[in-house]
C-alpha atoms as a PDB file:
ATOM      1  CA  MET A   1       0.000   0.000   0.000  1.00  0.00           C
ATOM      2  CA  SER A   2       1.352   3.442  -0.937  1.00  0.00           C
ATOM      3  CA  GLN A   3       1.942   5.968   1.820  1.00  0.00           C
ATOM      4  CA  ASN A   4       1.468   9.717   1.659  1.00  0.00           C
ATOM      5  CA  VAL A   5       4.901  11.383   1.954  1.00  0.00           C
ATOM      6  CA  PHE A   6       3.729  14.997   1.837  1.00  0.00           C
ATOM      7  CA  ALA A   7       3.183  15.511   5.581  1.00  0.00           C
ATOM      8  CA  PRO A   8      -0.401  16.817   5.614  1.00  0.00           C
ATOM      9  CA  VAL A   9      -1.463  18.893   8.617  1.00  0.00           C
ATOM     10  CA  GLU A  10      -4.953  18.254   9.928  1.00  0.00           C
ATOM     11  CA  GLY A  11      -7.296  21.090   9.054  1.00  0.00           C
ATOM     12  CA  ARG A  12      -4.871  22.762   6.649  1.00  0.00           C
ATOM     13  CA  PRO A  13      -4.615  22.292   2.893  1.00  0.00           C
ATOM     14  CA  THR A  14      -1.397  21.225   1.245  1.00  0.00           C
ATOM     15  CA  VAL A  15      -0.173  23.893  -1.163  1.00  0.00           C
ATOM     16  CA  VAL A  16       1.211  22.437  -4.396  1.00  0.00           C
ATOM     17  CA  LEU A  17       3.394  24.756  -6.492  1.00  0.00           C
ATOM     18  CA  VAL A  18       3.928  24.105 -10.210  1.00  0.00           C
ATOM     19  CA  HIS A  19       6.730  25.898 -12.040  1.00  0.00           C
ATOM     20  CA  GLY A  20       6.586  26.699 -15.727  1.00  0.00           C
ATOM     21  CA  ALA A  21       9.002  26.635 -18.631  1.00  0.00           C
ATOM     22  CA  PHE A  22      12.519  28.067 -18.263  1.00  0.00           C
ATOM     23  CA  ALA A  23      12.290  27.765 -14.467  1.00  0.00           C
ATOM     24  CA  GLU A  24      12.522  24.997 -11.884  1.00  0.00           C
ATOM     25  CA  SER A  25      11.224  24.205  -8.425  1.00  0.00           C
ATOM     26  CA  SER A  26      13.678  26.456  -6.610  1.00  0.00           C
ATOM     27  CA  SER A  27      12.029  29.472  -8.255  1.00  0.00           C
ATOM     28  CA  TRP A  28       9.396  29.050  -5.523  1.00  0.00           C
ATOM     29  CA  ASP A  29      11.884  29.014  -2.622  1.00  0.00           C
ATOM     30  CA  ALA A  30      10.980  32.377  -1.084  1.00  0.00           C
ATOM     31  CA  VAL A  31       7.256  31.677  -1.551  1.00  0.00           C
ATOM     32  CA  VAL A  32       7.702  28.312   0.167  1.00  0.00           C
ATOM     33  CA  ALA A  33       9.412  29.994   3.123  1.00  0.00           C
ATOM     34  CA  ARG A  34       6.468  32.379   3.586  1.00  0.00           C
ATOM     35  CA  LEU A  35       3.873  29.602   3.349  1.00  0.00           C
ATOM     36  CA  ARG A  36       5.779  27.378   5.758  1.00  0.00           C
ATOM     37  CA  ALA A  37       5.935  30.285   8.197  1.00  0.00           C
ATOM     38  CA  GLU A  38       2.135  30.089   8.180  1.00  0.00           C
ATOM     39  CA  GLU A  39       2.430  26.378   9.079  1.00  0.00           C
ATOM     40  CA  LEU A  40       1.113  25.187   5.731  1.00  0.00           C
ATOM     41  CA  PRO A  41       2.439  21.963   4.222  1.00  0.00           C
ATOM     42  CA  VAL A  42       3.960  22.727   0.822  1.00  0.00           C
ATOM     43  CA  LEU A  43       5.199  20.714  -2.152  1.00  0.00           C
ATOM     44  CA  ALA A  44       6.978  22.284  -5.155  1.00  0.00           C
ATOM     45  CA  VAL A  45       6.496  19.842  -8.024  1.00  0.00           C
ATOM     46  CA  ALA A  46       9.138  19.159 -10.677  1.00  0.00           C
ATOM     47  CA  ASN A  47       7.074  19.838 -13.803  1.00  0.00           C
ATOM     48  CA  PRO A  48       8.346  17.493 -16.572  1.00  0.00           C
ATOM     49  CA  LEU A  49       7.826  20.085 -19.392  1.00  0.00           C
ATOM     50  CA  ARG A  50       7.459  17.313 -21.983  1.00  0.00           C
ATOM     51  CA  GLY A  51       3.894  17.830 -23.232  1.00  0.00           C
ATOM     52  CA  LEU A  52       0.590  19.099 -21.887  1.00  0.00           C
ATOM     53  CA  ALA A  53      -1.117  15.702 -21.508  1.00  0.00           C
ATOM     54  CA  HIS A  54       2.031  14.090 -20.074  1.00  0.00           C
ATOM     55  CA  ASP A  55       2.703  16.909 -17.625  1.00  0.00           C
ATOM     56  CA  ALA A  56      -0.942  17.063 -16.551  1.00  0.00           C
ATOM     57  CA  ALA A  57      -1.045  13.328 -15.880  1.00  0.00           C
ATOM     58  CA  TYR A  58       2.051  13.666 -13.706  1.00  0.00           C
ATOM     59  CA  LEU A  59       0.622  16.585 -11.711  1.00  0.00           C
ATOM     60  CA  ARG A  60      -2.691  14.794 -11.231  1.00  0.00           C
ATOM     61  CA  SER A  61      -0.874  11.731  -9.886  1.00  0.00           C
ATOM     62  CA  VAL A  62       0.867  13.924  -7.322  1.00  0.00           C
ATOM     63  CA  VAL A  63      -2.333  15.678  -6.248  1.00  0.00           C
ATOM     64  CA  ASP A  64      -4.259  12.415  -6.059  1.00  0.00           C
ATOM     65  CA  GLY A  65      -1.562  11.079  -3.731  1.00  0.00           C
ATOM     66  CA  ILE A  66      -2.054  13.823  -1.148  1.00  0.00           C
ATOM     67  CA  ASP A  67      -4.353  13.179   1.791  1.00  0.00           C
ATOM     68  CA  GLY A  68      -6.775  16.009   2.489  1.00  0.00           C
ATOM     69  CA  PRO A  69      -7.507  19.295   0.723  1.00  0.00           C
ATOM     70  CA  VAL A  70      -5.116  20.918  -1.743  1.00  0.00           C
ATOM     71  CA  VAL A  71      -4.578  24.420  -3.129  1.00  0.00           C
ATOM     72  CA  VAL A  72      -2.553  24.481  -6.347  1.00  0.00           C
ATOM     73  CA  ALA A  73      -0.587  27.458  -7.681  1.00  0.00           C
ATOM     74  CA  GLY A  74       0.991  27.464 -11.125  1.00  0.00           C
ATOM     75  CA  HIS A  75       3.433  29.873 -12.731  1.00  0.00           C
ATOM     76  CA  SER A  76       3.393  30.472 -16.499  1.00  0.00           C
ATOM     77  CA  TYR A  77       3.014  27.142 -18.367  1.00  0.00           C
ATOM     78  CA  GLY A  78       2.371  25.602 -14.952  1.00  0.00           C
ATOM     79  CA  GLY A  79      -1.076  27.179 -15.195  1.00  0.00           C
ATOM     80  CA  SER A  80      -1.729  25.386 -18.478  1.00  0.00           C
ATOM     81  CA  VAL A  81      -0.840  22.127 -16.748  1.00  0.00           C
ATOM     82  CA  MET A  82      -3.092  22.889 -13.760  1.00  0.00           C
ATOM     83  CA  GLY A  83      -6.092  23.552 -15.945  1.00  0.00           C
ATOM     84  CA  GLU A  84      -5.605  20.309 -17.839  1.00  0.00           C
ATOM     85  CA  ALA A  85      -4.794  18.187 -14.798  1.00  0.00           C
ATOM     86  CA  LEU A  86      -7.262  19.152 -12.116  1.00  0.00           C
ATOM     87  CA  ALA A  87     -10.751  19.090 -13.617  1.00  0.00           C
ATOM     88  CA  GLY A  88     -12.707  16.684 -11.442  1.00  0.00           C
ATOM     89  CA  ALA A  89     -10.077  16.620  -8.682  1.00  0.00           C
ATOM     90  CA  GLU A  90     -12.320  16.499  -5.636  1.00  0.00           C
ATOM     91  CA  ASN A  91      -9.627  17.440  -3.124  1.00  0.00           C
ATOM     92  CA  VAL A  92      -8.575  20.675  -4.900  1.00  0.00           C
ATOM     93  CA  ARG A  93     -10.130  23.718  -3.261  1.00  0.00           C
ATOM     94  CA  ALA A  94      -8.527  26.542  -5.247  1.00  0.00           C
ATOM     95  CA  LEU A  95      -6.334  27.348  -8.229  1.00  0.00           C
ATOM     96  CA  VAL A  96      -3.891  30.261  -8.151  1.00  0.00           C
ATOM     97  CA  TYR A  97      -2.563  31.429 -11.523  1.00  0.00           C
ATOM     98  CA  VAL A  98       0.710  33.339 -11.120  1.00  0.00           C
ATOM     99  CA  ALA A  99       1.737  35.230 -14.291  1.00  0.00           C
ATOM    100  CA  SER A 100       0.122  32.270 -15.907  1.00  0.00           C
ATOM    101  CA  PHE A 101      -2.077  30.685 -18.562  1.00  0.00           C
ATOM    102  CA  GLN A 102      -5.749  29.824 -18.047  1.00  0.00           C
ATOM    103  CA  LEU A 103      -6.480  27.864 -21.199  1.00  0.00           C
ATOM    104  CA  GLU A 104      -9.937  27.197 -22.557  1.00  0.00           C
ATOM    105  CA  VAL A 105     -10.599  23.841 -24.209  1.00  0.00           C
ATOM    106  CA  GLY A 106      -9.017  23.856 -27.671  1.00  0.00           C
ATOM    107  CA  GLU A 107      -6.465  26.588 -26.900  1.00  0.00           C
ATOM    108  CA  GLY A 108      -2.686  26.218 -26.750  1.00  0.00           C
ATOM    109  CA  THR A 109      -0.154  27.972 -24.527  1.00  0.00           C
ATOM    110  CA  GLY A 110       1.711  29.564 -27.428  1.00  0.00           C
ATOM    111  CA  GLU A 111      -1.551  30.821 -28.917  1.00  0.00           C
ATOM    112  CA  LEU A 112      -2.536  32.653 -25.737  1.00  0.00           C
ATOM    113  CA  ALA A 113       0.956  34.091 -25.252  1.00  0.00           C
ATOM    114  CA  ALA A 114       0.635  35.770 -28.657  1.00  0.00           C
ATOM    115  CA  LYS A 115      -3.012  36.844 -28.370  1.00  0.00           C
ATOM    116  CA  PHE A 116      -2.100  40.421 -27.411  1.00  0.00           C
ATOM    117  CA  PRO A 117       0.973  42.493 -28.362  1.00  0.00           C
ATOM    118  CA  GLY A 118       3.892  43.151 -26.061  1.00  0.00           C
ATOM    119  CA  GLY A 119       5.588  39.773 -25.697  1.00  0.00           C
ATOM    120  CA  ARG A 120       9.292  39.431 -26.461  1.00  0.00           C
ATOM    121  CA  LEU A 121       9.878  35.821 -25.501  1.00  0.00           C
ATOM    122  CA  GLY A 122       9.548  34.205 -28.934  1.00  0.00           C
ATOM    123  CA  PRO A 123      12.614  35.790 -30.584  1.00  0.00           C
ATOM    124  CA  ALA A 124      14.725  34.938 -27.511  1.00  0.00           C
ATOM    125  CA  LEU A 125      14.053  31.196 -27.718  1.00  0.00           C
ATOM    126  CA  ARG A 126      16.770  28.820 -28.913  1.00  0.00           C
ATOM    127  CA  PRO A 127      15.821  25.315 -30.150  1.00  0.00           C
ATOM    128  CA  VAL A 128      18.062  22.394 -29.209  1.00  0.00           C
ATOM    129  CA  PRO A 129      17.288  18.937 -30.682  1.00  0.00           C
ATOM    130  CA  TYR A 130      16.842  16.003 -28.323  1.00  0.00           C
ATOM    131  CA  PRO A 131      16.251  12.321 -29.131  1.00  0.00           C
ATOM    132  CA  THR A 132      12.807  10.767 -28.972  1.00  0.00           C
ATOM    133  CA  GLY A 133      11.768   7.174 -29.433  1.00  0.00           C
ATOM    134  CA  GLY A 134      11.213   7.718 -33.137  1.00  0.00           C
ATOM    135  CA  GLY A 135      13.653  10.476 -34.047  1.00  0.00           C
ATOM    136  CA  THR A 136      14.276  13.950 -32.647  1.00  0.00           C
ATOM    137  CA  ALA A 137      12.285  16.912 -31.381  1.00  0.00           C
ATOM    138  CA  ASP A 138      13.217  20.382 -30.151  1.00  0.00           C
ATOM    139  CA  ASP A 139      13.696  21.625 -26.643  1.00  0.00           C
ATOM    140  CA  LEU A 140      13.403  25.387 -26.221  1.00  0.00           C
ATOM    141  CA  TYR A 141      15.723  27.481 -24.052  1.00  0.00           C
ATOM    142  CA  ILE A 142      15.900  31.230 -23.539  1.00  0.00           C
ATOM    143  CA  GLY A 143      19.267  32.517 -24.771  1.00  0.00           C
ATOM    144  CA  GLN A 144      21.306  33.155 -21.653  1.00  0.00           C
ATOM    145  CA  ASP A 145      22.300  36.636 -22.832  1.00  0.00           C
ATOM    146  CA  GLU A 146      18.608  37.575 -23.185  1.00  0.00           C
ATOM    147  CA  PHE A 147      17.202  35.759 -20.156  1.00  0.00           C
ATOM    148  CA  ARG A 148      17.157  38.648 -17.710  1.00  0.00           C
ATOM    149  CA  ALA A 149      15.715  41.172 -20.162  1.00  0.00           C
ATOM    150  CA  VAL A 150      12.749  39.059 -21.267  1.00  0.00           C
ATOM    151  CA  PHE A 151      12.094  36.874 -18.218  1.00  0.00           C
ATOM    152  CA  ALA A 152      13.498  38.425 -15.042  1.00  0.00           C
ATOM    153  CA  ALA A 153      14.184  42.126 -15.549  1.00  0.00           C
ATOM    154  CA  ASP A 154      13.455  43.027 -11.902  1.00  0.00           C
ATOM    155  CA  VAL A 155      15.636  40.246 -10.465  1.00  0.00           C
ATOM    156  CA  PRO A 156      19.221  41.117  -9.396  1.00  0.00           C
ATOM    157  CA  GLU A 157      21.732  40.440 -12.153  1.00  0.00           C
ATOM    158  CA  ASP A 158      23.597  37.714 -10.292  1.00  0.00           C
ATOM    159  CA  VAL A 159      20.383  35.871  -9.447  1.00  0.00           C
ATOM    160  CA  ALA A 160      19.054  36.193 -12.995  1.00  0.00           C
ATOM    161  CA  ALA A 161      22.359  34.880 -14.360  1.00  0.00           C
ATOM    162  CA  LEU A 162      22.035  31.796 -12.153  1.00  0.00           C
ATOM    163  CA  MET A 163      18.424  31.324 -13.256  1.00  0.00           C
ATOM    164  CA  ALA A 164      19.518  31.480 -16.891  1.00  0.00           C
ATOM    165  CA  VAL A 165      22.092  28.746 -16.353  1.00  0.00           C
ATOM    166  CA  THR A 166      19.731  26.461 -14.404  1.00  0.00           C
ATOM    167  CA  GLN A 167      16.621  27.024 -16.564  1.00  0.00           C
ATOM    168  CA  ARG A 168      14.622  23.924 -17.500  1.00  0.00           C
ATOM    169  CA  PRO A 169      13.842  23.719 -21.223  1.00  0.00           C
ATOM    170  CA  ILE A 170      10.389  22.879 -22.516  1.00  0.00           C
ATOM    171  CA  ALA A 171       9.596  20.622 -25.435  1.00  0.00           C
ATOM    172  CA  ALA A 172       8.485  22.908 -28.252  1.00  0.00           C
ATOM    173  CA  ALA A 173       5.450  20.722 -28.909  1.00  0.00           C
ATOM    174  CA  ALA A 174       4.176  21.353 -25.362  1.00  0.00           C
ATOM    175  CA  LEU A 175       3.538  25.002 -26.211  1.00  0.00           C
ATOM    176  CA  GLN A 176       1.406  23.941 -29.180  1.00  0.00           C
ATOM    177  CA  ASP A 177      -0.568  21.224 -27.372  1.00  0.00           C
ATOM    178  CA  THR A 178      -4.203  22.199 -26.903  1.00  0.00           C
ATOM    179  CA  ALA A 179      -6.225  21.881 -23.723  1.00  0.00           C
ATOM    180  CA  THR A 180      -8.935  19.260 -23.431  1.00  0.00           C
ATOM    181  CA  ARG A 181     -10.126  20.410 -19.996  1.00  0.00           C
ATOM    182  CA  ALA A 182     -10.376  23.692 -18.089  1.00  0.00           C
ATOM    183  CA  ALA A 183     -10.335  23.149 -14.332  1.00  0.00           C
ATOM    184  CA  TRP A 184     -10.996  26.853 -13.655  1.00  0.00           C
ATOM    185  CA  ARG A 185     -14.558  26.286 -14.850  1.00  0.00           C
ATOM    186  CA  GLU A 186     -15.335  24.255 -11.730  1.00  0.00           C
ATOM    187  CA  ILE A 187     -12.739  25.278  -9.118  1.00  0.00           C
ATOM    188  CA  PRO A 188     -12.477  28.807  -7.624  1.00  0.00           C
ATOM    189  CA  SER A 189      -9.490  30.667  -9.051  1.00  0.00           C
ATOM    190  CA  TRP A 190      -7.182  33.583  -8.307  1.00  0.00           C
ATOM    191  CA  ALA A 191      -4.852  35.315 -10.773  1.00  0.00           C
ATOM    192  CA  LEU A 192      -1.739  37.449 -10.343  1.00  0.00           C
ATOM    193  CA  VAL A 193      -1.182  39.737 -13.352  1.00  0.00           C
ATOM    194  CA  THR A 194       2.382  41.004 -13.829  1.00  0.00           C
ATOM    195  CA  LEU A 195       2.430  44.412 -15.484  1.00  0.00           C
ATOM    196  CA  GLN A 196       6.062  44.384 -16.687  1.00  0.00           C
ATOM    197  CA  ASP A 197       5.825  40.872 -18.118  1.00  0.00           C
ATOM    198  CA  LEU A 198       7.511  40.364 -21.509  1.00  0.00           C
ATOM    199  CA  ALA A 199       6.737  36.635 -21.678  1.00  0.00           C
ATOM    200  CA  ILE A 200       2.939  36.868 -21.293  1.00  0.00           C
ATOM    201  CA  PRO A 201       1.538  40.345 -21.971  1.00  0.00           C
ATOM    202  CA  ALA A 202      -0.570  41.680 -19.115  1.00  0.00           C
ATOM    203  CA  ASP A 203      -3.542  42.054 -21.467  1.00  0.00           C
ATOM    204  CA  SER A 204      -3.406  38.314 -22.186  1.00  0.00           C
ATOM    205  CA  MET A 205      -3.489  37.560 -18.478  1.00  0.00           C
ATOM    206  CA  ARG A 206      -6.356  39.993 -17.939  1.00  0.00           C
ATOM    207  CA  PHE A 207      -8.319  38.389 -20.756  1.00  0.00           C
ATOM    208  CA  MET A 208      -7.877  34.885 -19.354  1.00  0.00           C
ATOM    209  CA  ALA A 209      -8.579  35.902 -15.754  1.00  0.00           C
ATOM    210  CA  GLY A 210     -11.652  37.870 -16.777  1.00  0.00           C
ATOM    211  CA  ARG A 211     -13.378  35.045 -18.589  1.00  0.00           C
ATOM    212  CA  ALA A 212     -12.525  32.687 -15.708  1.00  0.00           C
ATOM    213  CA  GLN A 213     -13.957  35.215 -13.238  1.00  0.00           C
ATOM    214  CA  SER A 214     -10.787  34.869 -11.194  1.00  0.00           C
ATOM    215  CA  ARG A 215     -10.130  37.122  -8.230  1.00  0.00           C
ATOM    216  CA  THR A 216      -7.349  39.221  -9.780  1.00  0.00           C
ATOM    217  CA  VAL A 217      -4.447  41.200  -8.335  1.00  0.00           C
ATOM    218  CA  GLU A 218      -2.015  43.229 -10.457  1.00  0.00           C
ATOM    219  CA  VAL A 219       1.615  43.854  -9.486  1.00  0.00           C
ATOM    220  CA  ASP A 220       4.408  45.834 -11.109  1.00  0.00           C
ATOM    221  CA  ALA A 221       6.705  42.878 -11.771  1.00  0.00           C
ATOM    222  CA  SER A 222       8.414  40.861 -14.469  1.00  0.00           C
ATOM    223  CA  HIS A 223       7.491  37.307 -15.438  1.00  0.00           C
ATOM    224  CA  ALA A 224       9.815  36.033 -12.694  1.00  0.00           C
ATOM    225  CA  VAL A 225       7.496  37.351  -9.989  1.00  0.00           C
ATOM    226  CA  THR A 226       7.932  34.288  -7.766  1.00  0.00           C
ATOM    227  CA  VAL A 227      11.559  35.405  -7.344  1.00  0.00           C
ATOM    228  CA  SER A 228      11.239  39.201  -7.489  1.00  0.00           C
ATOM    229  CA  GLN A 229       8.055  39.586  -5.415  1.00  0.00           C
ATOM    230  CA  PRO A 230       7.491  36.349  -3.505  1.00  0.00           C
ATOM    231  CA  GLY A 231       5.520  38.186  -0.836  1.00  0.00           C
ATOM    232  CA  ALA A 232       2.835  39.213  -3.336  1.00  0.00           C
ATOM    233  CA  VAL A 233       2.647  35.643  -4.629  1.00  0.00           C
ATOM    234  CA  ALA A 234       2.421  34.154  -1.151  1.00  0.00           C
ATOM    235  CA  ASP A 235      -0.231  36.692  -0.124  1.00  0.00           C
ATOM    236  CA  LEU A 236      -2.468  35.639  -3.004  1.00  0.00           C
ATOM    237  CA  VAL A 237      -1.981  31.956  -2.232  1.00  0.00           C
ATOM    238  CA  LEU A 238      -2.813  32.603   1.416  1.00  0.00           C
ATOM    239  CA  GLU A 239      -5.943  34.497   0.379  1.00  0.00           C
ATOM    240  CA  ALA A 240      -7.041  31.502  -1.694  1.00  0.00           C
ATOM    241  CA  VAL A 241      -6.358  29.203   1.270  1.00  0.00           C
ATOM    242  CA  GLN A 242      -8.344  31.396   3.651  1.00  0.00           C
ATOM    243  CA  GLN A 243     -11.259  32.045   1.296  1.00  0.00           C
ATOM    244  CA  THR A 244     -11.761  28.347   0.556  1.00  0.00           C
ATOM    245  CA  ALA A 245     -11.335  27.060   4.114  1.00  0.00           C
ATOM    246  CA  ARG A 246     -14.107  24.754   5.310  1.00  0.00           C
END
C-alpha cells in the first residue's frame, strides 16, 4: 500500500506549487518559506515540461496522492498544466494562476501568449534537438544573454544569471498542445497579473482571468514574480487558502 509522503497537517490544505518553462522548483523558494511560516504543508512539483497531456497526468498523480484538501498554484506554463490536470479533482479547493495561462478547451499555450501584443519571448528562444523514441524533437531554451531582459528584468543580475544557467527547457510541442479540460470552470481561481511581463503580456493575463472570473491582483513585476516579489505571490496563495477554508 502506498503511503502519503507529503506531511499533511490536519485542518490545513497542502499547497502544491507548479513551475513553468525556463524555471525549476527552486524558483518558488521564497514563496515556500512564507507559506511554511504560516504552518502550511507545501510541495513544489518538478514539472516534466514534456507535453501538456504528459505533464498534466504527472501533476494529477501527485495531487491524487495527497491526503486532504489541496490548493494548487501554477506559474506560467504551470497554469496550463493545472487547468488540464485538475478538472474533477475532488480534493482541490482553489487554483492560483501566477503570471500564468488559463487555457480554454481547444487553446494552446503559445496561442494565448501571442493573443495580445507586447511579448518578447519568442525571438529569444533557442531550439536544441533532443532524441525521442522515433527520431528527434526540439527543446526550447531562452538565450542566456537575453534571459534577464525578457524573463526576469526586476531580479538582481547575479540571481538572474544563475536562473539562466539552471533554466529547465520545454519541449516545443508542449507550447502547441491544446487543452482538453479547463479546471478553472469548476474550481475557484485567483490570478496574479504582472504588469512588466515580456513573456505573457498583461492584457493576455487579464483576458484569461476575466473570462474565468478569477479574483485578480495586479503587481508591477516581471514574469519572474515568484523570485522578485514572492511576498505578493504568497499573499495571493494565502488568500485563496483562507477564502476556501471549510
